Amino acid sequence: MKFRRRPQVVDAEQWFPGREVAGVILEAQKEGEAHAFVLTARGKVQVKPGDWIVQDGQVVFPVNGLLFNKVYEACSREAKA
């Protein structure tokens, strides 16, 4: 069987180090290093540079940049699902 993802509108912003994005938390590590993550229903999920932070209602999750470009397309800000 084949399946198609249903059209839906989500908010998303691409994350890079030094850029503040809602939902991304920096956790200090040794010697000035920091790891970025978002809190999901399944716990902490690491965010890597170039990941898109997607917010679908109250749910926040990271999506790899390549996958994001295959699955999502830009739409007007006024569009709602």
Protein backbone atom coordinates (compact mmCIF):
# COMPACT_ATOMS: atom_id res chain seq x y z
CA MET A 1 0.00 0.00 0.00
CA LYS A 2 1.06 3.55 -0.61
CA PHE A 3 0.45 6.50 1.70
CA ARG A 4 0.61 10.24 1.24
CA ARG A 5 1.27 12.66 4.05
CA ARG A 6 -1.81 14.78 4.62
CA PRO A 7 -1.41 18.46 3.90
CA GLN A 8 -0.94 20.42 7.07
CA VAL A 9 0.49 23.78 8.03
CA VAL A 10 3.15 23.97 10.73
CA ASP A 11 5.42 26.69 12.08
CA ALA A 12 9.14 26.02 11.56
CA GLU A 13 12.43 27.84 11.95
CA GLN A 14 15.91 26.62 11.01
CA TRP A 15 18.41 26.44 13.86
CA PHE A 16 22.12 27.22 13.78
CA PRO A 17 24.50 27.79 16.75
CA GLY A 18 24.17 31.32 18.08
CA ARG A 19 20.61 31.70 16.84
CA GLU A 20 17.75 31.69 19.31
CA VAL A 21 14.82 29.55 18.21
CA ALA A 22 11.77 28.93 20.38
CA GLY A 23 11.88 25.46 21.89
CA VAL A 24 15.65 24.95 21.53
CA ILE A 25 17.48 24.56 24.85
CA LEU A 26 21.26 24.78 25.17
CA GLU A 27 22.84 22.51 27.75
CA ALA A 28 26.34 23.49 28.87
CA GLN A 29 29.00 20.82 28.53
CA LYS A 30 32.71 20.82 29.35
CA GLU A 31 35.03 23.67 28.34
CA GLY A 32 32.45 25.96 26.77
CA GLU A 33 30.82 23.33 24.57
CA ALA A 34 27.05 23.20 24.47
CA HIS A 35 24.55 20.72 23.12
CA ALA A 36 21.19 21.86 21.81
CA PHE A 37 18.01 19.89 22.23
CA VAL A 38 14.23 20.16 22.29
CA LEU A 39 11.91 18.52 24.77
CA THR A 40 9.46 16.16 23.09
CA ALA A 41 6.90 13.68 24.41
CA ARG A 42 9.70 11.10 24.17
CA GLY A 43 12.21 13.20 26.13
CA LYS A 44 15.24 15.20 24.99
CA VAL A 45 16.01 15.09 21.28
CA GLN A 46 19.33 16.53 20.10
CA VAL A 47 19.27 19.37 17.58
CA LYS A 48 22.03 19.66 15.01
CA PRO A 49 23.02 22.75 13.01
CA GLY A 50 20.69 23.10 10.03
CA ASP A 51 17.81 21.19 11.64
CA TRP A 52 14.38 22.75 11.36
CA ILE A 53 12.45 23.14 14.62
CA VAL A 54 8.84 22.33 13.77
CA GLN A 55 5.95 23.36 16.00
CA ASP A 56 2.64 21.65 15.31
CA GLY A 57 0.29 22.99 17.96
CA GLN A 58 1.94 22.26 21.32
CA VAL A 59 4.26 19.61 19.85
CA VAL A 60 7.84 20.63 19.03
CA PHE A 61 10.32 18.40 17.19
CA PRO A 62 13.48 18.73 15.09
CA VAL A 63 13.60 17.68 11.44
CA ASN A 64 16.80 17.15 9.47
CA GLY A 65 17.22 19.86 6.81
CA LEU A 66 17.22 17.41 3.87
CA LEU A 67 14.08 15.64 5.06
CA PHE A 68 12.37 18.96 5.82
CA ASN A 69 12.93 20.14 2.23
CA LYS A 70 11.41 16.92 0.87
CA VAL A 71 8.33 16.98 3.11
CA TYR A 72 7.44 20.65 3.61
CA GLU A 73 6.97 23.59 1.27
CA ALA A 74 6.63 27.28 2.10
CA CYS A 75 3.16 28.79 2.32
CA SER A 76 1.73 32.16 3.28
CA ARG A 77 1.76 33.11 6.96
CA GLU A 78 -2.05 33.36 6.97
CA ALA A 79 -2.57 29.74 5.89
CA LYS A 80 -4.01 27.45 8.55
CA ALA A 81 -4.71 23.74 8.32
